[in-house]
């Protein structure tokens, strides 16, 4: 059974930084894509960033220049370095990982980690 476990969330002042980590267990296969999403109160879940196994990345516009996604393929771990944090970045951040195969796709979600940006 695949499980994703996030860590690294917390309370940070505006302008500060946090590094989120997400480690997968229950599979020795490399995920085709890993990423981060977030959901603020009363808002829909939205994309933050994704990274494929080859290293190509994709960011939401608000994340460009401030957030950096990276992954360790040997450990099936994905990271999100968040700099210059703003109050509007406050949300629950979810890790996502997926397999994309011919005729078959499957993705998994972590339980989420709270990020609060406040003075």
N, C-alpha and C. Protein backbone atom coordinates (compact mmCIF):
# COMPACT_ATOMS: atom_id res chain seq x y z
N UNK A 1 0.85 -1.19 0.00
CA UNK A 1 0.00 0.00 0.00
C UNK A 1 0.89 1.24 0.00
N UNK A 2 0.69 2.08 -0.99
CA UNK A 2 1.50 3.29 -1.11
C UNK A 2 1.01 4.33 -0.11
N UNK A 3 1.95 4.93 0.58
CA UNK A 3 1.62 6.03 1.49
C UNK A 3 2.59 7.17 1.26
N UNK A 4 2.06 8.38 1.33
CA UNK A 4 2.88 9.59 1.23
C UNK A 4 2.81 10.32 2.56
N UNK A 5 3.95 10.69 3.07
CA UNK A 5 3.99 11.38 4.35
C UNK A 5 4.73 12.70 4.18
N UNK A 6 4.02 13.80 4.46
CA UNK A 6 4.62 15.14 4.35
C UNK A 6 5.16 15.57 5.71
N UNK A 7 6.12 16.46 5.65
CA UNK A 7 6.65 17.09 6.86
C UNK A 7 7.22 18.45 6.49
N UNK A 8 7.46 19.27 7.51
CA UNK A 8 8.11 20.55 7.28
C UNK A 8 7.22 21.76 7.36
N UNK A 9 5.93 21.56 7.52
CA UNK A 9 5.04 22.71 7.64
C UNK A 9 5.20 23.39 8.99
N UNK A 10 4.52 24.52 9.13
CA UNK A 10 4.59 25.24 10.39
C UNK A 10 4.21 26.69 10.24
N UNK A 11 4.53 27.44 11.26
CA UNK A 11 4.25 28.88 11.30
C UNK A 11 5.51 29.65 10.95
N UNK A 12 5.40 30.58 10.04
CA UNK A 12 6.56 31.38 9.62
C UNK A 12 6.10 32.81 9.38
N UNK A 13 6.99 33.74 9.61
CA UNK A 13 6.66 35.14 9.39
C UNK A 13 6.72 35.48 7.90
N UNK A 14 6.00 36.50 7.49
CA UNK A 14 6.10 36.93 6.09
C UNK A 14 7.56 37.21 5.71
N UNK A 15 7.92 36.75 4.54
CA UNK A 15 9.30 36.88 4.08
C UNK A 15 10.19 35.71 4.44
N UNK A 16 9.68 34.83 5.28
CA UNK A 16 10.47 33.69 5.73
C UNK A 16 10.44 32.54 4.74
N UNK A 17 11.06 31.44 5.16
CA UNK A 17 11.19 30.27 4.30
C UNK A 17 10.79 29.01 5.04
N UNK A 18 10.33 28.05 4.27
CA UNK A 18 10.05 26.70 4.78
C UNK A 18 10.44 25.70 3.70
N UNK A 19 10.80 24.51 4.15
CA UNK A 19 11.08 23.41 3.22
C UNK A 19 10.20 22.23 3.57
N UNK A 20 9.34 21.88 2.64
CA UNK A 20 8.46 20.73 2.81
C UNK A 20 9.11 19.50 2.20
N UNK A 21 8.86 18.37 2.85
CA UNK A 21 9.34 17.08 2.34
C UNK A 21 8.18 16.10 2.26
N UNK A 22 8.27 15.20 1.32
CA UNK A 22 7.26 14.16 1.18
C UNK A 22 7.96 12.88 0.78
N UNK A 23 7.79 11.86 1.58
CA UNK A 23 8.43 10.57 1.31
C UNK A 23 7.37 9.51 1.09
N UNK A 24 7.57 8.73 0.04
CA UNK A 24 6.64 7.66 -0.30
C UNK A 24 7.15 6.33 0.23
N UNK A 25 6.22 5.53 0.67
CA UNK A 25 6.56 4.17 1.09
C UNK A 25 5.55 3.21 0.47
N UNK A 26 5.91 1.94 0.47
CA UNK A 26 4.99 0.94 -0.05
C UNK A 26 5.18 0.62 -1.51
N UNK A 27 6.19 1.21 -2.14
CA UNK A 27 6.50 0.90 -3.53
C UNK A 27 7.98 1.11 -3.77
N UNK A 28 8.53 0.26 -4.62
CA UNK A 28 9.92 0.44 -5.03
C UNK A 28 10.00 1.05 -6.43
N UNK A 29 8.84 1.28 -7.05
CA UNK A 29 8.80 1.87 -8.38
C UNK A 29 8.94 3.37 -8.29
N UNK A 30 9.56 3.93 -9.31
CA UNK A 30 9.73 5.38 -9.36
C UNK A 30 8.46 6.02 -9.91
N UNK A 31 7.94 6.98 -9.20
CA UNK A 31 6.78 7.70 -9.69
C UNK A 31 7.13 8.49 -10.95
N UNK A 32 6.22 8.49 -11.90
CA UNK A 32 6.43 9.28 -13.11
C UNK A 32 6.37 10.76 -12.82
N UNK A 33 5.50 11.14 -11.90
CA UNK A 33 5.36 12.55 -11.56
C UNK A 33 5.12 12.67 -10.06
N UNK A 34 5.69 13.69 -9.49
CA UNK A 34 5.45 14.04 -8.09
C UNK A 34 5.19 15.53 -8.01
N UNK A 35 4.42 15.94 -7.04
CA UNK A 35 4.11 17.36 -6.98
C UNK A 35 3.51 17.79 -5.67
N UNK A 36 3.26 19.08 -5.62
CA UNK A 36 2.64 19.70 -4.46
C UNK A 36 1.42 20.50 -4.90
N UNK A 37 0.39 20.39 -4.08
CA UNK A 37 -0.84 21.16 -4.25
C UNK A 37 -1.14 21.82 -2.91
N UNK A 38 -2.01 22.80 -2.94
CA UNK A 38 -2.37 23.44 -1.69
C UNK A 38 -3.85 23.80 -1.70
N UNK A 39 -4.39 23.92 -0.49
CA UNK A 39 -5.79 24.28 -0.34
C UNK A 39 -5.93 25.22 0.83
N UNK A 40 -6.35 26.43 0.53
CA UNK A 40 -6.62 27.43 1.56
C UNK A 40 -8.07 27.28 2.01
N UNK A 41 -8.40 27.80 3.18
CA UNK A 41 -9.78 27.70 3.67
C UNK A 41 -10.78 28.26 2.67
N UNK A 42 -11.81 27.51 2.43
CA UNK A 42 -12.91 27.91 1.55
C UNK A 42 -12.47 28.10 0.10
N UNK A 43 -11.35 27.52 -0.27
CA UNK A 43 -10.89 27.59 -1.66
C UNK A 43 -10.64 26.18 -2.17
N UNK A 44 -10.61 26.05 -3.49
CA UNK A 44 -10.35 24.75 -4.09
C UNK A 44 -8.85 24.43 -4.03
N UNK A 45 -8.57 23.15 -4.06
CA UNK A 45 -7.18 22.73 -4.11
C UNK A 45 -6.56 23.18 -5.44
N UNK A 46 -5.33 23.69 -5.36
CA UNK A 46 -4.68 24.19 -6.57
C UNK A 46 -3.26 23.68 -6.67
N UNK A 47 -2.79 23.65 -7.89
CA UNK A 47 -1.43 23.22 -8.16
C UNK A 47 -0.42 24.21 -7.63
N UNK A 48 0.65 23.70 -7.03
CA UNK A 48 1.80 24.53 -6.67
C UNK A 48 2.93 24.27 -7.68
N UNK A 49 3.34 23.00 -7.76
CA UNK A 49 4.43 22.64 -8.66
C UNK A 49 4.46 21.13 -8.85
N UNK A 50 4.97 20.71 -10.00
CA UNK A 50 5.18 19.29 -10.27
C UNK A 50 6.56 19.08 -10.83
N UNK A 51 7.03 17.84 -10.72
CA UNK A 51 8.32 17.46 -11.28
C UNK A 51 8.22 16.02 -11.76
N UNK A 52 8.67 15.79 -13.00
CA UNK A 52 8.63 14.43 -13.54
C UNK A 52 9.95 13.73 -13.25
N UNK A 53 9.97 12.45 -13.51
CA UNK A 53 11.14 11.66 -13.14
C UNK A 53 12.40 12.12 -13.86
N UNK A 54 12.24 12.73 -15.04
CA UNK A 54 13.40 13.22 -15.76
C UNK A 54 13.90 14.57 -15.27
N UNK A 55 13.12 15.20 -14.37
CA UNK A 55 13.56 16.45 -13.77
C UNK A 55 12.85 17.70 -14.26
N UNK A 56 12.06 17.58 -15.31
CA UNK A 56 11.35 18.77 -15.80
C UNK A 56 10.32 19.20 -14.77
N UNK A 57 10.25 20.51 -14.57
CA UNK A 57 9.36 21.06 -13.56
C UNK A 57 8.30 21.96 -14.16
N UNK A 58 7.25 22.15 -13.39
CA UNK A 58 6.15 23.03 -13.78
C UNK A 58 5.67 23.74 -12.54
N UNK A 59 5.49 25.06 -12.63
CA UNK A 59 5.08 25.85 -11.47
C UNK A 59 3.83 26.66 -11.77
N UNK A 60 3.03 26.85 -10.73
CA UNK A 60 1.97 27.84 -10.82
C UNK A 60 2.63 29.21 -10.90
N UNK A 61 1.92 30.16 -11.51
CA UNK A 61 2.51 31.49 -11.69
C UNK A 61 2.93 32.11 -10.35
N UNK A 62 2.13 31.92 -9.33
CA UNK A 62 2.44 32.56 -8.04
C UNK A 62 3.66 31.95 -7.39
N UNK A 63 4.04 30.75 -7.82
CA UNK A 63 5.17 30.05 -7.21
C UNK A 63 6.49 30.33 -7.93
N UNK A 64 6.40 30.78 -9.15
CA UNK A 64 7.62 31.01 -9.93
C UNK A 64 8.51 32.06 -9.27
N UNK A 65 9.77 31.73 -9.14
CA UNK A 65 10.73 32.66 -8.56
C UNK A 65 10.81 32.62 -7.04
N UNK A 66 9.82 31.98 -6.40
CA UNK A 66 9.84 31.91 -4.93
C UNK A 66 9.95 30.47 -4.44
N UNK A 67 9.34 29.54 -5.14
CA UNK A 67 9.31 28.14 -4.72
C UNK A 67 10.17 27.32 -5.67
N UNK A 68 10.79 26.28 -5.11
CA UNK A 68 11.58 25.36 -5.91
C UNK A 68 11.22 23.93 -5.54
N UNK A 69 10.83 23.15 -6.54
CA UNK A 69 10.52 21.74 -6.32
C UNK A 69 11.71 20.91 -6.76
N UNK A 70 11.99 19.87 -6.02
CA UNK A 70 13.06 18.94 -6.38
C UNK A 70 12.68 17.55 -5.88
N UNK A 71 13.40 16.55 -6.37
CA UNK A 71 13.08 15.20 -5.95
C UNK A 71 14.33 14.35 -5.88
N UNK A 72 14.25 13.36 -5.04
CA UNK A 72 15.30 12.35 -4.92
C UNK A 72 14.69 11.05 -5.42
N UNK A 73 15.01 10.69 -6.63
CA UNK A 73 14.39 9.51 -7.23
C UNK A 73 14.75 8.22 -6.50
N UNK A 74 15.93 8.18 -5.93
CA UNK A 74 16.34 6.95 -5.25
C UNK A 74 15.52 6.71 -4.00
N UNK A 75 14.98 7.79 -3.44
CA UNK A 75 14.21 7.67 -2.20
C UNK A 75 12.72 7.94 -2.42
N UNK A 76 12.32 8.19 -3.65
CA UNK A 76 10.93 8.55 -3.92
C UNK A 76 10.47 9.66 -2.98
N UNK A 77 11.29 10.68 -2.92
CA UNK A 77 11.02 11.83 -2.05
C UNK A 77 10.97 13.09 -2.89
N UNK A 78 10.04 13.95 -2.55
CA UNK A 78 9.92 15.23 -3.24
C UNK A 78 9.98 16.35 -2.20
N UNK A 79 10.59 17.44 -2.58
CA UNK A 79 10.78 18.58 -1.69
C UNK A 79 10.15 19.83 -2.32
N UNK A 80 9.80 20.76 -1.44
CA UNK A 80 9.34 22.08 -1.90
C UNK A 80 10.00 23.13 -1.02
N UNK A 81 10.95 23.84 -1.60
CA UNK A 81 11.59 24.95 -0.89
C UNK A 81 10.78 26.21 -1.18
N UNK A 82 10.28 26.82 -0.12
CA UNK A 82 9.43 28.00 -0.26
C UNK A 82 10.14 29.19 0.38
N UNK A 83 10.42 30.20 -0.42
CA UNK A 83 11.07 31.42 0.05
C UNK A 83 10.13 32.61 -0.13
N UNK A 84 10.46 33.69 0.55
CA UNK A 84 9.68 34.93 0.43
C UNK A 84 8.19 34.65 0.63
N UNK A 85 7.88 33.94 1.67
CA UNK A 85 6.50 33.54 1.90
C UNK A 85 5.62 34.72 2.24
N UNK A 86 4.37 34.64 1.78
CA UNK A 86 3.39 35.70 1.97
C UNK A 86 2.20 35.15 2.75
N UNK A 87 1.44 36.01 3.40
CA UNK A 87 0.25 35.52 4.11
C UNK A 87 -0.69 34.73 3.21
N UNK A 88 -0.76 35.10 1.96
CA UNK A 88 -1.66 34.38 1.04
C UNK A 88 -1.15 33.00 0.67
N UNK A 89 0.04 32.64 1.12
CA UNK A 89 0.53 31.28 0.93
C UNK A 89 0.03 30.34 2.03
N UNK A 90 -0.66 30.89 2.99
CA UNK A 90 -1.22 30.07 4.06
C UNK A 90 -2.22 29.07 3.49
N UNK A 91 -1.98 27.79 3.78
CA UNK A 91 -2.82 26.72 3.25
C UNK A 91 -2.34 25.39 3.80
N UNK A 92 -3.13 24.36 3.54
CA UNK A 92 -2.66 23.00 3.74
C UNK A 92 -2.00 22.56 2.44
N UNK A 93 -0.78 22.09 2.55
CA UNK A 93 -0.02 21.66 1.37
C UNK A 93 -0.03 20.13 1.29
N UNK A 94 -0.41 19.65 0.12
CA UNK A 94 -0.55 18.21 -0.09
C UNK A 94 0.48 17.73 -1.10
N UNK A 95 1.05 16.59 -0.79
CA UNK A 95 1.94 15.92 -1.72
C UNK A 95 1.12 14.98 -2.61
N UNK A 96 1.51 14.91 -3.87
CA UNK A 96 0.87 14.02 -4.82
C UNK A 96 1.93 13.28 -5.60
N UNK A 97 1.67 12.01 -5.88
CA UNK A 97 2.62 11.22 -6.66
C UNK A 97 1.84 10.28 -7.55
N UNK A 98 2.31 10.12 -8.78
CA UNK A 98 1.54 9.32 -9.71
C UNK A 98 2.35 8.48 -10.66
N UNK A 99 1.70 7.40 -11.06
CA UNK A 99 2.23 6.54 -12.11
C UNK A 99 1.42 6.79 -13.38
N UNK A 100 2.09 6.93 -14.48
CA UNK A 100 1.44 7.12 -15.77
C UNK A 100 2.00 6.08 -16.71
N UNK A 101 1.16 5.09 -16.99
CA UNK A 101 1.57 3.98 -17.86
C UNK A 101 0.58 3.87 -19.02
N UNK A 102 0.96 3.22 -20.09
CA UNK A 102 0.01 3.04 -21.21
C UNK A 102 -1.26 2.37 -20.73
N UNK A 103 -2.38 3.08 -20.84
CA UNK A 103 -3.66 2.52 -20.46
C UNK A 103 -3.93 2.48 -18.98
N UNK A 104 -3.09 3.04 -18.19
CA UNK A 104 -3.25 2.95 -16.72
C UNK A 104 -2.57 4.11 -16.05
N UNK A 105 -3.31 4.76 -15.18
CA UNK A 105 -2.74 5.82 -14.35
C UNK A 105 -3.26 5.63 -12.93
N UNK A 106 -2.44 6.07 -11.98
CA UNK A 106 -2.85 5.99 -10.59
C UNK A 106 -2.08 7.06 -9.84
N UNK A 107 -2.78 7.80 -9.00
CA UNK A 107 -2.05 8.77 -8.18
C UNK A 107 -2.44 8.63 -6.72
N UNK A 108 -1.61 9.20 -5.89
CA UNK A 108 -1.74 9.08 -4.44
C UNK A 108 -1.57 10.46 -3.80
N UNK A 109 -2.21 10.61 -2.64
CA UNK A 109 -2.15 11.88 -1.92
C UNK A 109 -1.65 11.65 -0.50
N UNK A 110 -0.91 12.63 0.00
CA UNK A 110 -0.55 12.64 1.40
C UNK A 110 -1.67 13.24 2.23
N UNK A 111 -1.45 13.29 3.53
CA UNK A 111 -2.49 13.77 4.43
C UNK A 111 -2.48 15.29 4.56
N UNK A 112 -1.43 15.91 4.07
CA UNK A 112 -1.34 17.37 4.12
C UNK A 112 -0.54 17.87 5.31
N UNK A 113 0.09 19.02 5.10
CA UNK A 113 0.82 19.68 6.17
C UNK A 113 0.47 21.16 6.15
N UNK A 114 0.18 21.70 7.31
CA UNK A 114 -0.28 23.09 7.41
C UNK A 114 0.89 24.06 7.32
N UNK A 115 0.74 25.04 6.48
CA UNK A 115 1.68 26.16 6.40
C UNK A 115 0.92 27.44 6.72
N UNK A 116 1.40 28.15 7.72
CA UNK A 116 0.76 29.40 8.13
C UNK A 116 1.80 30.51 8.08
N UNK A 117 1.49 31.54 7.32
CA UNK A 117 2.39 32.69 7.18
C UNK A 117 1.72 33.87 7.86
N UNK A 118 2.29 34.28 8.97
CA UNK A 118 1.66 35.33 9.76
C UNK A 118 2.70 35.97 10.67
N UNK A 119 2.49 37.26 10.93
CA UNK A 119 3.37 37.95 11.87
C UNK A 119 2.76 37.94 13.26
